[in-house]
Structures are given as structure tokens and as C-alpha cells.
Amino acid sequence: MSDMAIGNAASAAKAASLGKEKTLGQADFLSLLVQQMRNQDPTKPMDSSQMVSQLAQISQVSATQALQTSFDDLGKSLQGNQILQASGMIGRDVVVPSEAGTLAASGMDGAVNVPDGGGQVFVKITDASGTVLRTIDLGKPSPGLVRFHWDGIGDNGEALAPGTYGLAAQAGNTAVATYVSGKVTGVGMTGADGTYLDVDGFGGVLLSQVAQIN
């Protein structure tokens, strides 16, 4: 086998090995180009325009990799800043969307999102089977987030045991979103969804879901 054939076989083997990798870096492209120039047919040298095109591709790949690295660094920096800012919310009360709330010794605090022209607003407290235990009349409040407090007393006048209860609200004939209020006890970061808060009596909630901070 000629030296040229051996060189071509080695170049092909190297290219096959590189093909197994996820991406080719600038050094990989340069190595392939050098091998191609070494093993070119002396009677048919590489076209200079082809070489320029390959060099342009190398430059483009290098610039793209550098840009991606910059974006990755920026994303990590923004995540770090977001956690740092969110840590200032520890100990604060926040209002988050939920269809259930936890009744504590002090009762349960929540809110409803009242639309324009909502009419009479009612909040219904239910057990696990959906039975209504207490109905709270909020009257006809202005549109927006309207707070309410449940003292843990049922419609029959008896105190209910601490635990988790369902929430449902209605403005006129329209069902509206319900929220619960709780104290932030910690912050964290998820890989895809960003910063989250640990809310006492509720659990984890994304920072972007917080409707109100008190």
C-alpha cells in the first residue's frame, strides 16, 4: 500500500472517530484540514477557493462556540443574582395560586382574583370529598386580588380540625382563581424552571407564580 493510501486511511479513521463526538471544535477542523492538505494529490492540488471556504467555516464555528459560552456564563450569572434577590423574601408573606390551603391554629389566609363586573363573590371551603364546609361572602369588591381570612369555623358553627382543605371561588356565575398566603421559609433553583420559594403550609412554588408579596 502506498504512503498516500496509508495517509488517506489514517485520515478517514480520524474523521470516523471525530464523527462519534457530539460537536467538532476549532482544533478538530484545523486537524482535518491539515491532514487533507498533507494527503492531497500532488497533480491535483486543493483549490484555493475551497481552502478559503473551509477556513471561513472554521472561523464561524469558533465564533458560534464563543457566543454560546458567553450566553451560558450570562445565564449562570443571572440565576445567581435571582437567587440572591429571592433570598431577601425569606420571612415575608406571599400570595400564590392554589386550589387548596392549610388550616392552622390561627386560621387560613387567602385571596381571590376578582374580574371586572364580577358581581357577588363567594369563597367555598371544602373537604377532600368536595363537600362544602364553609361559605365566605366577600360582597361585591373592586376588581383585582381580594384577600380573605377563614377562622376555621364551619357553617354549622363548629371548629374544624387543622389540615388541608379545598378552595373554590365564584364571582357572579363565573368561577375565579383562588390563592393562599404563607411565609417564605427558603429559596432554591430548578434546572429548567428557575428560582422557587418554599412557602410554609404550601410547599415549593416558582417565583414567577407569586401574585403578591407582603
N, C-alpha and C. Protein backbone atom coordinates (compact mmCIF):
# COMPACT_ATOMS: atom_id res chain seq x y z
N MET A 1 0.86 -1.20 0.00
CA MET A 1 0.00 0.00 0.00
C MET A 1 0.89 1.24 0.00
N SER A 2 0.57 2.22 -0.82
CA SER A 2 1.38 3.42 -0.94
C SER A 2 1.26 4.28 0.30
N ASP A 3 2.24 5.20 0.47
CA ASP A 3 2.19 6.14 1.60
C ASP A 3 0.95 7.00 1.53
N MET A 4 0.56 7.38 0.29
CA MET A 4 -0.62 8.22 0.13
C MET A 4 -1.87 7.47 0.59
N ALA A 5 -1.99 6.19 0.24
CA ALA A 5 -3.15 5.39 0.63
C ALA A 5 -3.19 5.23 2.13
N ILE A 6 -1.98 4.97 2.73
CA ILE A 6 -1.93 4.85 4.19
C ILE A 6 -2.37 6.14 4.84
N GLY A 7 -1.91 7.26 4.30
CA GLY A 7 -2.30 8.56 4.84
C GLY A 7 -3.79 8.79 4.73
N ASN A 8 -4.36 8.43 3.57
CA ASN A 8 -5.80 8.60 3.38
C ASN A 8 -6.59 7.74 4.35
N ALA A 9 -6.13 6.51 4.59
CA ALA A 9 -6.82 5.61 5.53
C ALA A 9 -6.76 6.17 6.94
N ALA A 10 -5.61 6.71 7.31
CA ALA A 10 -5.48 7.29 8.65
C ALA A 10 -6.39 8.50 8.80
N SER A 11 -6.47 9.31 7.73
CA SER A 11 -7.35 10.48 7.76
C SER A 11 -8.80 10.07 7.90
N ALA A 12 -9.21 9.03 7.17
CA ALA A 12 -10.59 8.54 7.24
C ALA A 12 -10.91 8.01 8.62
N ALA A 13 -9.94 7.28 9.21
CA ALA A 13 -10.15 6.73 10.56
C ALA A 13 -10.31 7.86 11.57
N LYS A 14 -9.49 8.90 11.40
CA LYS A 14 -9.60 10.04 12.32
C LYS A 14 -10.95 10.73 12.19
N ALA A 15 -11.40 10.89 10.94
CA ALA A 15 -12.69 11.53 10.70
C ALA A 15 -13.82 10.70 11.29
N ALA A 16 -13.74 9.36 11.17
CA ALA A 16 -14.78 8.49 11.73
C ALA A 16 -14.82 8.60 13.24
N SER A 17 -13.61 8.70 13.85
CA SER A 17 -13.55 8.83 15.31
C SER A 17 -14.16 10.14 15.76
N LEU A 18 -13.85 11.21 15.02
CA LEU A 18 -14.40 12.51 15.36
C LEU A 18 -15.91 12.55 15.18
N GLY A 19 -16.43 11.77 14.23
CA GLY A 19 -17.86 11.75 13.97
C GLY A 19 -18.66 11.24 15.14
N LYS A 20 -18.01 10.48 16.02
CA LYS A 20 -18.70 9.94 17.18
C LYS A 20 -18.93 11.00 18.25
N GLU A 21 -18.18 12.09 18.18
CA GLU A 21 -18.34 13.15 19.16
C GLU A 21 -19.59 13.98 18.85
N LYS A 22 -20.11 14.67 19.85
CA LYS A 22 -21.31 15.48 19.66
C LYS A 22 -21.05 16.66 18.74
N THR A 23 -19.91 17.35 18.92
CA THR A 23 -19.59 18.53 18.12
C THR A 23 -18.12 18.53 17.76
N LEU A 24 -17.77 19.23 16.69
CA LEU A 24 -16.39 19.40 16.29
C LEU A 24 -15.93 20.79 16.68
N GLY A 25 -14.77 20.85 17.35
CA GLY A 25 -14.25 22.14 17.76
C GLY A 25 -13.32 22.71 16.70
N GLN A 26 -12.79 23.89 16.98
CA GLN A 26 -11.89 24.55 16.03
C GLN A 26 -10.65 23.71 15.78
N ALA A 27 -10.08 23.12 16.83
CA ALA A 27 -8.87 22.30 16.69
C ALA A 27 -9.13 21.09 15.81
N ASP A 28 -10.35 20.52 15.92
CA ASP A 28 -10.70 19.35 15.11
C ASP A 28 -10.75 19.71 13.63
N PHE A 29 -11.34 20.85 13.30
CA PHE A 29 -11.42 21.29 11.92
C PHE A 29 -10.02 21.57 11.35
N LEU A 30 -9.17 22.21 12.13
CA LEU A 30 -7.82 22.50 11.68
C LEU A 30 -7.04 21.22 11.43
N SER A 31 -7.22 20.24 12.33
CA SER A 31 -6.53 18.97 12.17
C SER A 31 -6.96 18.26 10.89
N LEU A 32 -8.27 18.27 10.64
CA LEU A 32 -8.77 17.64 9.41
C LEU A 32 -8.26 18.36 8.17
N LEU A 33 -8.21 19.68 8.22
CA LEU A 33 -7.73 20.45 7.07
C LEU A 33 -6.26 20.16 6.79
N VAL A 34 -5.45 20.09 7.85
CA VAL A 34 -4.02 19.79 7.68
C VAL A 34 -3.83 18.41 7.08
N GLN A 35 -4.59 17.42 7.58
CA GLN A 35 -4.50 16.07 7.04
C GLN A 35 -4.90 16.03 5.57
N GLN A 36 -5.93 16.80 5.24
CA GLN A 36 -6.39 16.85 3.85
C GLN A 36 -5.31 17.44 2.94
N MET A 37 -4.61 18.48 3.43
CA MET A 37 -3.56 19.11 2.63
C MET A 37 -2.35 18.18 2.50
N ARG A 38 -2.03 17.45 3.56
CA ARG A 38 -0.89 16.53 3.51
C ARG A 38 -1.12 15.40 2.51
N ASN A 39 -2.36 14.94 2.42
CA ASN A 39 -2.67 13.77 1.62
C ASN A 39 -3.29 14.11 0.26
N GLN A 40 -3.19 15.37 -0.15
CA GLN A 40 -3.76 15.73 -1.44
C GLN A 40 -2.90 15.18 -2.58
N ASP A 41 -3.52 14.99 -3.70
CA ASP A 41 -2.82 14.51 -4.90
C ASP A 41 -1.94 15.64 -5.43
N PRO A 42 -0.61 15.41 -5.51
CA PRO A 42 0.28 16.50 -5.98
C PRO A 42 -0.07 17.00 -7.37
N THR A 43 -0.64 16.11 -8.18
CA THR A 43 -1.01 16.53 -9.54
C THR A 43 -2.33 17.29 -9.57
N LYS A 44 -3.06 17.22 -8.49
CA LYS A 44 -4.34 17.93 -8.40
C LYS A 44 -4.44 18.60 -7.03
N PRO A 45 -3.66 19.67 -6.83
CA PRO A 45 -3.66 20.33 -5.51
C PRO A 45 -5.03 20.92 -5.17
N MET A 46 -5.23 21.11 -3.88
CA MET A 46 -6.50 21.64 -3.38
C MET A 46 -6.79 23.02 -3.96
N ASP A 47 -8.01 23.22 -4.35
CA ASP A 47 -8.45 24.50 -4.86
C ASP A 47 -8.37 25.55 -3.75
N SER A 48 -7.73 26.69 -4.05
CA SER A 48 -7.56 27.72 -3.02
C SER A 48 -8.90 28.26 -2.52
N SER A 49 -9.87 28.35 -3.43
CA SER A 49 -11.20 28.85 -3.02
C SER A 49 -11.85 27.88 -2.03
N GLN A 50 -11.60 26.57 -2.23
CA GLN A 50 -12.14 25.57 -1.30
C GLN A 50 -11.49 25.72 0.07
N MET A 51 -10.19 26.00 0.09
CA MET A 51 -9.49 26.19 1.35
C MET A 51 -10.03 27.41 2.10
N VAL A 52 -10.24 28.49 1.35
CA VAL A 52 -10.78 29.71 1.97
C VAL A 52 -12.17 29.43 2.56
N SER A 53 -12.97 28.66 1.83
CA SER A 53 -14.31 28.33 2.32
C SER A 53 -14.24 27.53 3.61
N GLN A 54 -13.30 26.56 3.68
CA GLN A 54 -13.16 25.75 4.88
C GLN A 54 -12.67 26.58 6.06
N LEU A 55 -11.75 27.50 5.79
CA LEU A 55 -11.26 28.38 6.85
C LEU A 55 -12.38 29.27 7.38
N ALA A 56 -13.24 29.71 6.46
CA ALA A 56 -14.39 30.54 6.88
C ALA A 56 -15.33 29.74 7.77
N GLN A 57 -15.50 28.46 7.43
CA GLN A 57 -16.35 27.60 8.25
C GLN A 57 -15.75 27.42 9.65
N ILE A 58 -14.42 27.26 9.69
CA ILE A 58 -13.75 27.12 10.99
C ILE A 58 -13.96 28.37 11.84
N SER A 59 -13.79 29.53 11.20
CA SER A 59 -13.98 30.80 11.91
C SER A 59 -15.40 30.94 12.43
N GLN A 60 -16.38 30.52 11.60
CA GLN A 60 -17.79 30.62 12.00
C GLN A 60 -18.09 29.71 13.19
N VAL A 61 -17.55 28.49 13.15
CA VAL A 61 -17.77 27.55 14.26
C VAL A 61 -17.15 28.10 15.54
N SER A 62 -15.94 28.65 15.41
CA SER A 62 -15.26 29.20 16.59
C SER A 62 -16.06 30.35 17.20
N ALA A 63 -16.59 31.23 16.33
CA ALA A 63 -17.37 32.37 16.83
C ALA A 63 -18.66 31.89 17.49
N THR A 64 -19.29 30.86 16.91
CA THR A 64 -20.53 30.33 17.49
C THR A 64 -20.27 29.72 18.86
N GLN A 65 -19.17 28.97 18.98
CA GLN A 65 -18.82 28.36 20.26
C GLN A 65 -18.55 29.43 21.32
N ALA A 66 -17.85 30.48 20.92
CA ALA A 66 -17.55 31.56 21.87
C ALA A 66 -18.83 32.26 22.31
N LEU A 67 -19.75 32.47 21.36
CA LEU A 67 -21.02 33.11 21.70
C LEU A 67 -21.84 32.24 22.65
N GLN A 68 -21.86 30.93 22.40
CA GLN A 68 -22.61 30.01 23.27
C GLN A 68 -22.03 30.02 24.68
N THR A 69 -20.69 30.05 24.76
CA THR A 69 -20.04 30.10 26.07
C THR A 69 -20.42 31.37 26.82
N SER A 70 -20.48 32.49 26.09
CA SER A 70 -20.85 33.76 26.71
C SER A 70 -22.29 33.71 27.22
N PHE A 71 -23.20 33.13 26.43
CA PHE A 71 -24.59 33.01 26.85
C PHE A 71 -24.72 32.12 28.09
N ASP A 72 -23.96 31.02 28.10
CA ASP A 72 -24.01 30.11 29.26
C ASP A 72 -23.54 30.83 30.52
N ASP A 73 -22.44 31.58 30.40
CA ASP A 73 -21.92 32.32 31.55
C ASP A 73 -22.92 33.37 32.02
N LEU A 74 -23.56 34.05 31.06
CA LEU A 74 -24.55 35.08 31.41
C LEU A 74 -25.74 34.44 32.12
N GLY A 75 -26.20 33.27 31.62
CA GLY A 75 -27.33 32.59 32.25
C GLY A 75 -27.03 32.20 33.69
N LYS A 76 -25.81 31.68 33.93
CA LYS A 76 -25.42 31.30 35.29
C LYS A 76 -25.37 32.52 36.20
N SER A 77 -24.88 33.63 35.65
CA SER A 77 -24.79 34.86 36.44
C SER A 77 -26.18 35.37 36.81
N LEU A 78 -27.10 35.33 35.84
CA LEU A 78 -28.47 35.80 36.11
C LEU A 78 -29.17 34.90 37.13
N GLN A 79 -28.94 33.59 37.04
CA GLN A 79 -29.54 32.68 38.01
C GLN A 79 -29.03 32.96 39.41
N GLY A 80 -27.72 33.20 39.51
CA GLY A 80 -27.15 33.51 40.82
C GLY A 80 -27.73 34.79 41.40
N ASN A 81 -27.88 35.82 40.55
CA ASN A 81 -28.46 37.08 41.01
C ASN A 81 -29.91 36.91 41.43
N GLN A 82 -30.64 36.06 40.69
CA GLN A 82 -32.06 35.86 41.00
C GLN A 82 -32.22 35.17 42.36
N ILE A 83 -31.39 34.18 42.65
CA ILE A 83 -31.45 33.52 43.95
C ILE A 83 -31.10 34.50 45.06
N LEU A 84 -30.07 35.31 44.82
CA LEU A 84 -29.66 36.29 45.82
C LEU A 84 -30.79 37.27 46.12
N GLN A 85 -31.48 37.74 45.08
CA GLN A 85 -32.59 38.66 45.27
C GLN A 85 -33.76 37.97 45.97
N ALA A 86 -34.03 36.71 45.59
CA ALA A 86 -35.14 35.97 46.19
C ALA A 86 -34.88 35.68 47.66
N SER A 87 -33.62 35.56 48.06
CA SER A 87 -33.32 35.28 49.47
C SER A 87 -33.81 36.40 50.38
N GLY A 88 -33.97 37.60 49.82
CA GLY A 88 -34.49 38.71 50.62
C GLY A 88 -35.97 38.55 50.94
N MET A 89 -36.63 37.56 50.32
CA MET A 89 -38.05 37.32 50.58
C MET A 89 -38.28 36.36 51.75
N ILE A 90 -37.22 35.75 52.24
CA ILE A 90 -37.36 34.82 53.36
C ILE A 90 -37.93 35.57 54.57
N GLY A 91 -38.99 35.01 55.14
CA GLY A 91 -39.66 35.65 56.26
C GLY A 91 -40.82 36.53 55.84
N ARG A 92 -40.95 36.80 54.54
CA ARG A 92 -42.06 37.62 54.04
C ARG A 92 -43.26 36.72 53.72
N ASP A 93 -44.46 37.31 53.73
CA ASP A 93 -45.67 36.60 53.34
C ASP A 93 -45.91 36.81 51.85
N VAL A 94 -46.23 35.72 51.14
CA VAL A 94 -46.52 35.80 49.72
C VAL A 94 -47.88 35.16 49.44
N VAL A 95 -48.49 35.60 48.37
CA VAL A 95 -49.77 35.04 47.92
C VAL A 95 -49.51 34.28 46.63
N VAL A 96 -49.88 32.98 46.63
CA VAL A 96 -49.60 32.12 45.48
C VAL A 96 -50.87 31.39 45.05
N PRO A 97 -51.01 31.07 43.76
CA PRO A 97 -52.22 30.38 43.29
C PRO A 97 -52.31 28.97 43.83
N SER A 98 -53.50 28.60 44.30
CA SER A 98 -53.71 27.25 44.82
C SER A 98 -55.20 26.97 44.94
N GLU A 99 -55.58 25.70 44.75
CA GLU A 99 -56.96 25.27 44.93
C GLU A 99 -57.14 24.56 46.26
N ALA A 100 -56.15 24.68 47.13
CA ALA A 100 -56.22 24.09 48.47
C ALA A 100 -55.36 24.91 49.41
N GLY A 101 -55.71 24.90 50.67
CA GLY A 101 -54.94 25.63 51.68
C GLY A 101 -54.86 24.85 52.97
N THR A 102 -53.91 25.23 53.81
CA THR A 102 -53.71 24.56 55.09
C THR A 102 -54.30 25.38 56.23
N LEU A 103 -55.21 24.77 56.97
CA LEU A 103 -55.79 25.43 58.14
C LEU A 103 -54.87 25.22 59.34
N ALA A 104 -54.39 26.32 59.90
CA ALA A 104 -53.54 26.26 61.09
C ALA A 104 -54.35 26.74 62.29
N ALA A 105 -53.70 26.82 63.43
CA ALA A 105 -54.39 27.27 64.65
C ALA A 105 -54.89 28.70 64.50
N SER A 106 -54.18 29.50 63.71
CA SER A 106 -54.57 30.90 63.51
C SER A 106 -55.56 31.08 62.37
N GLY A 107 -55.94 29.99 61.70
CA GLY A 107 -56.87 30.08 60.59
C GLY A 107 -56.16 29.93 59.25
N MET A 108 -56.81 30.37 58.20
CA MET A 108 -56.25 30.29 56.85
C MET A 108 -56.45 31.63 56.14
N ASP A 109 -55.38 32.13 55.52
CA ASP A 109 -55.46 33.36 54.76
C ASP A 109 -55.33 33.05 53.27
N GLY A 110 -56.15 33.72 52.48
CA GLY A 110 -56.11 33.50 51.04
C GLY A 110 -56.60 34.72 50.29
N ALA A 111 -56.84 34.52 49.00
CA ALA A 111 -57.31 35.62 48.15
C ALA A 111 -58.00 35.04 46.92
N VAL A 112 -58.79 35.88 46.27
CA VAL A 112 -59.42 35.52 45.00
C VAL A 112 -59.15 36.63 44.00
N ASN A 113 -59.09 36.25 42.73
CA ASN A 113 -58.83 37.22 41.67
C ASN A 113 -60.17 37.63 41.06
N VAL A 114 -60.67 38.80 41.45
CA VAL A 114 -61.99 39.25 41.03
C VAL A 114 -61.90 39.97 39.68
N PRO A 115 -62.67 39.54 38.68
CA PRO A 115 -62.65 40.21 37.38
C PRO A 115 -63.55 41.44 37.37
N ASP A 116 -63.48 42.19 36.29
CA ASP A 116 -64.37 43.35 36.12
C ASP A 116 -65.82 42.86 36.04
N GLY A 117 -66.70 43.56 36.76
CA GLY A 117 -68.11 43.20 36.74
C GLY A 117 -68.38 41.81 37.27
N GLY A 118 -67.58 41.39 38.28
CA GLY A 118 -67.71 40.03 38.79
C GLY A 118 -68.99 39.77 39.56
N GLY A 119 -69.55 40.80 40.16
CA GLY A 119 -70.75 40.62 40.97
C GLY A 119 -70.43 40.11 42.36
N GLN A 120 -71.38 39.45 43.00
CA GLN A 120 -71.20 38.94 44.35
C GLN A 120 -70.15 37.82 44.35
N VAL A 121 -69.23 37.91 45.30
CA VAL A 121 -68.12 36.95 45.35
C VAL A 121 -68.25 36.04 46.58
N PHE A 122 -68.15 34.74 46.34
CA PHE A 122 -68.22 33.76 47.43
C PHE A 122 -66.99 32.85 47.36
N VAL A 123 -66.47 32.52 48.55
CA VAL A 123 -65.39 31.55 48.66
C VAL A 123 -65.93 30.33 49.40
N LYS A 124 -65.72 29.14 48.82
CA LYS A 124 -66.22 27.92 49.44
C LYS A 124 -65.05 27.07 49.93
N ILE A 125 -65.15 26.66 51.19
CA ILE A 125 -64.16 25.77 51.80
C ILE A 125 -64.74 24.36 51.75
N THR A 126 -63.98 23.41 51.20
CA THR A 126 -64.49 22.04 51.04
C THR A 126 -63.55 21.02 51.69
N ASP A 127 -64.12 19.83 51.97
CA ASP A 127 -63.28 18.73 52.45
C ASP A 127 -62.77 17.93 51.27
N ALA A 128 -62.11 16.79 51.54
CA ALA A 128 -61.49 16.01 50.48
C ALA A 128 -62.51 15.45 49.49
N SER A 129 -63.74 15.25 49.92
CA SER A 129 -64.77 14.71 49.04
C SER A 129 -65.51 15.79 48.27
N GLY A 130 -65.18 17.07 48.53
CA GLY A 130 -65.83 18.17 47.83
C GLY A 130 -67.03 18.75 48.54
N THR A 131 -67.33 18.26 49.72
CA THR A 131 -68.46 18.79 50.49
C THR A 131 -68.13 20.18 51.02
N VAL A 132 -69.04 21.12 50.81
CA VAL A 132 -68.82 22.49 51.26
C VAL A 132 -69.00 22.57 52.77
N LEU A 133 -67.95 23.02 53.46
CA LEU A 133 -67.97 23.13 54.92
C LEU A 133 -68.21 24.56 55.38
N ARG A 134 -67.78 25.52 54.55
CA ARG A 134 -67.96 26.92 54.92
C ARG A 134 -68.04 27.77 53.65
N THR A 135 -68.96 28.71 53.64
CA THR A 135 -69.08 29.66 52.53
C THR A 135 -68.84 31.06 53.08
N ILE A 136 -67.87 31.75 52.48
CA ILE A 136 -67.50 33.10 52.91
C ILE A 136 -67.99 34.10 51.88
N ASP A 137 -68.80 35.05 52.30
CA ASP A 137 -69.35 36.08 51.41
C ASP A 137 -68.44 37.30 51.44
N LEU A 138 -67.84 37.61 50.29
CA LEU A 138 -66.94 38.77 50.19
C LEU A 138 -67.64 40.00 49.62
N GLY A 139 -68.94 39.90 49.40
CA GLY A 139 -69.68 41.04 48.88
C GLY A 139 -69.37 41.29 47.42
N LYS A 140 -69.33 42.57 47.03
CA LYS A 140 -69.03 42.97 45.65
C LYS A 140 -67.77 43.85 45.65
N PRO A 141 -66.61 43.24 45.81
CA PRO A 141 -65.37 44.03 45.89
C PRO A 141 -64.94 44.56 44.52
N SER A 142 -63.99 45.48 44.54
CA SER A 142 -63.42 46.02 43.31
C SER A 142 -62.59 44.93 42.62
N PRO A 143 -62.42 45.02 41.30
CA PRO A 143 -61.62 44.03 40.58
C PRO A 143 -60.18 43.97 41.10
N GLY A 144 -59.61 42.80 41.02
CA GLY A 144 -58.24 42.60 41.47
C GLY A 144 -58.14 41.51 42.51
N LEU A 145 -57.00 41.44 43.16
CA LEU A 145 -56.75 40.41 44.17
C LEU A 145 -57.40 40.85 45.49
N VAL A 146 -58.37 40.07 45.96
CA VAL A 146 -59.12 40.39 47.18
C VAL A 146 -58.80 39.35 48.26
N ARG A 147 -58.30 39.82 49.39
CA ARG A 147 -57.89 38.92 50.47
C ARG A 147 -59.10 38.48 51.30
N PHE A 148 -58.96 37.28 51.91
CA PHE A 148 -59.97 36.80 52.86
C PHE A 148 -59.29 36.01 53.97
N HIS A 149 -59.97 35.87 55.09
CA HIS A 149 -59.46 35.08 56.21
C HIS A 149 -60.54 34.11 56.66
N TRP A 150 -60.16 32.86 56.83
CA TRP A 150 -61.07 31.85 57.36
C TRP A 150 -60.61 31.48 58.76
N ASP A 151 -61.52 31.60 59.72
CA ASP A 151 -61.17 31.33 61.11
C ASP A 151 -61.22 29.86 61.49
N GLY A 152 -61.52 28.99 60.53
CA GLY A 152 -61.55 27.56 60.83
C GLY A 152 -62.91 27.06 61.32
N ILE A 153 -63.91 27.95 61.34
CA ILE A 153 -65.26 27.58 61.77
C ILE A 153 -66.11 27.20 60.57
N GLY A 154 -66.84 26.09 60.68
CA GLY A 154 -67.71 25.66 59.61
C GLY A 154 -69.03 26.41 59.63
N ASP A 155 -69.85 26.19 58.60
CA ASP A 155 -71.16 26.84 58.54
C ASP A 155 -72.07 26.41 59.69
N ASN A 156 -71.76 25.26 60.30
CA ASN A 156 -72.57 24.78 61.42
C ASN A 156 -72.12 25.35 62.76
N GLY A 157 -71.09 26.23 62.71
CA GLY A 157 -70.61 26.87 63.93
C GLY A 157 -69.56 26.09 64.68
N GLU A 158 -69.18 24.92 64.18
CA GLU A 158 -68.18 24.10 64.87
C GLU A 158 -66.79 24.33 64.28
N ALA A 159 -65.78 24.25 65.17
CA ALA A 159 -64.40 24.41 64.72
C ALA A 159 -63.93 23.15 64.00
N LEU A 160 -63.28 23.33 62.89
CA LEU A 160 -62.77 22.20 62.11
C LEU A 160 -61.31 21.93 62.46
N ALA A 161 -60.93 20.68 62.29
CA ALA A 161 -59.56 20.27 62.65
C ALA A 161 -58.54 20.86 61.68
N PRO A 162 -57.34 21.20 62.19
CA PRO A 162 -56.28 21.68 61.30
C PRO A 162 -55.98 20.65 60.21
N GLY A 163 -55.64 21.11 59.05
CA GLY A 163 -55.35 20.23 57.92
C GLY A 163 -55.52 20.94 56.61
N THR A 164 -55.57 20.17 55.53
CA THR A 164 -55.69 20.73 54.19
C THR A 164 -57.15 20.71 53.73
N TYR A 165 -57.59 21.84 53.20
CA TYR A 165 -58.97 21.97 52.73
C TYR A 165 -58.98 22.57 51.32
N GLY A 166 -60.01 22.19 50.56
CA GLY A 166 -60.13 22.69 49.20
C GLY A 166 -60.68 24.10 49.17
N LEU A 167 -60.35 24.82 48.11
CA LEU A 167 -60.82 26.20 47.92
C LEU A 167 -61.47 26.34 46.55
N ALA A 168 -62.59 27.02 46.51
CA ALA A 168 -63.25 27.34 45.24
C ALA A 168 -63.92 28.69 45.41
N ALA A 169 -63.90 29.49 44.37
CA ALA A 169 -64.49 30.82 44.45
C ALA A 169 -65.33 31.11 43.22
N GLN A 170 -66.31 31.98 43.41
CA GLN A 170 -67.21 32.33 42.33
C GLN A 170 -67.56 33.81 42.42
N ALA A 171 -67.48 34.49 41.27
CA ALA A 171 -67.87 35.90 41.17
C ALA A 171 -69.07 35.95 40.23
N GLY A 172 -70.25 36.16 40.79
CA GLY A 172 -71.46 36.05 39.98
C GLY A 172 -71.64 34.60 39.57
N ASN A 173 -71.69 34.36 38.27
CA ASN A 173 -71.80 32.99 37.76
C ASN A 173 -70.48 32.46 37.21
N THR A 174 -69.39 33.17 37.51
CA THR A 174 -68.08 32.81 36.94
C THR A 174 -67.14 32.30 38.02
N ALA A 175 -66.53 31.14 37.77
CA ALA A 175 -65.51 30.61 38.68
C ALA A 175 -64.25 31.45 38.54
N VAL A 176 -63.64 31.79 39.66
CA VAL A 176 -62.42 32.61 39.64
C VAL A 176 -61.31 31.90 40.39
N ALA A 177 -60.08 32.31 40.11
CA ALA A 177 -58.91 31.68 40.70
C ALA A 177 -58.79 31.99 42.19
N THR A 178 -58.31 31.00 42.93
CA THR A 178 -58.09 31.17 44.37
C THR A 178 -56.59 31.13 44.67
N TYR A 179 -56.23 31.78 45.78
CA TYR A 179 -54.84 31.88 46.19
C TYR A 179 -54.76 31.62 47.70
N VAL A 180 -53.56 31.24 48.16
CA VAL A 180 -53.32 31.10 49.59
C VAL A 180 -52.12 31.96 49.97
N SER A 181 -52.07 32.30 51.24
CA SER A 181 -50.99 33.14 51.75
C SER A 181 -50.14 32.32 52.71
N GLY A 182 -48.82 32.50 52.61
CA GLY A 182 -47.91 31.79 53.50
C GLY A 182 -46.58 32.49 53.61
N LYS A 183 -45.80 32.11 54.61
CA LYS A 183 -44.50 32.74 54.85
C LYS A 183 -43.41 31.99 54.09
N VAL A 184 -42.50 32.72 53.46
CA VAL A 184 -41.39 32.12 52.73
C VAL A 184 -40.34 31.64 53.74
N THR A 185 -39.99 30.35 53.64
CA THR A 185 -39.02 29.77 54.57
C THR A 185 -37.68 29.45 53.90
N GLY A 186 -37.63 29.50 52.57
CA GLY A 186 -36.38 29.21 51.88
C GLY A 186 -36.53 29.45 50.39
N VAL A 187 -35.39 29.44 49.69
CA VAL A 187 -35.39 29.62 48.23
C VAL A 187 -34.48 28.56 47.62
N GLY A 188 -34.71 28.27 46.34
CA GLY A 188 -33.89 27.29 45.64
C GLY A 188 -33.94 27.53 44.15
N MET A 189 -33.28 26.64 43.40
CA MET A 189 -33.22 26.77 41.95
C MET A 189 -33.46 25.42 41.30
N THR A 190 -34.34 25.39 40.29
CA THR A 190 -34.54 24.19 39.49
C THR A 190 -33.81 24.35 38.17
N GLY A 191 -33.50 23.24 37.53
CA GLY A 191 -32.73 23.31 36.31
C GLY A 191 -33.42 24.06 35.18
N ALA A 192 -34.72 23.81 34.99
CA ALA A 192 -35.40 24.38 33.83
C ALA A 192 -36.33 25.54 34.18
N ASP A 193 -36.92 25.50 35.37
CA ASP A 193 -37.97 26.47 35.70
C ASP A 193 -37.47 27.69 36.45
N GLY A 194 -36.23 27.69 36.90
CA GLY A 194 -35.69 28.86 37.58
C GLY A 194 -35.88 28.82 39.09
N THR A 195 -35.94 29.99 39.68
CA THR A 195 -35.99 30.13 41.14
C THR A 195 -37.36 29.75 41.70
N TYR A 196 -37.34 29.03 42.82
CA TYR A 196 -38.59 28.70 43.50
C TYR A 196 -38.48 29.08 44.98
N LEU A 197 -39.65 29.21 45.61
CA LEU A 197 -39.73 29.55 47.03
C LEU A 197 -40.35 28.40 47.80
N ASP A 198 -39.87 28.16 49.01
CA ASP A 198 -40.53 27.24 49.93
C ASP A 198 -41.48 28.08 50.78
N VAL A 199 -42.79 27.80 50.66
CA VAL A 199 -43.80 28.58 51.37
C VAL A 199 -44.41 27.72 52.46
N ASP A 200 -44.38 28.21 53.68
CA ASP A 200 -44.89 27.47 54.83
C ASP A 200 -46.37 27.12 54.64
N GLY A 201 -46.69 25.85 54.82
CA GLY A 201 -48.07 25.40 54.68
C GLY A 201 -48.50 25.17 53.24
N PHE A 202 -47.57 25.34 52.31
CA PHE A 202 -47.92 25.17 50.90
C PHE A 202 -46.92 24.27 50.19
N GLY A 203 -45.63 24.56 50.34
CA GLY A 203 -44.59 23.81 49.64
C GLY A 203 -43.83 24.69 48.67
N GLY A 204 -43.28 24.07 47.62
CA GLY A 204 -42.50 24.82 46.64
C GLY A 204 -43.37 25.50 45.60
N VAL A 205 -43.02 26.72 45.26
CA VAL A 205 -43.75 27.47 44.23
C VAL A 205 -42.73 28.30 43.46
N LEU A 206 -42.90 28.37 42.13
CA LEU A 206 -41.98 29.15 41.32
C LEU A 206 -42.12 30.64 41.63
N LEU A 207 -41.01 31.32 41.61
CA LEU A 207 -41.01 32.76 41.89
C LEU A 207 -41.92 33.50 40.93
N SER A 208 -41.99 33.03 39.68
CA SER A 208 -42.83 33.69 38.69
C SER A 208 -44.33 33.54 38.98
N GLN A 209 -44.71 32.63 39.88
CA GLN A 209 -46.12 32.41 40.19
C GLN A 209 -46.61 33.28 41.35
N VAL A 210 -45.71 33.95 42.03
CA VAL A 210 -46.11 34.77 43.18
C VAL A 210 -46.97 35.94 42.70
N ALA A 211 -48.16 36.04 43.29
CA ALA A 211 -49.10 37.10 42.88
C ALA A 211 -48.95 38.36 43.72
N GLN A 212 -48.48 38.20 44.97
CA GLN A 212 -48.37 39.36 45.85
C GLN A 212 -47.36 39.07 46.95
N ILE A 213 -46.61 40.11 47.36
CA ILE A 213 -45.64 40.00 48.44
C ILE A 213 -46.03 41.00 49.52
N ASN A 214 -46.10 40.53 50.76
CA ASN A 214 -46.49 41.42 51.86
C ASN A 214 -45.36 41.51 52.89
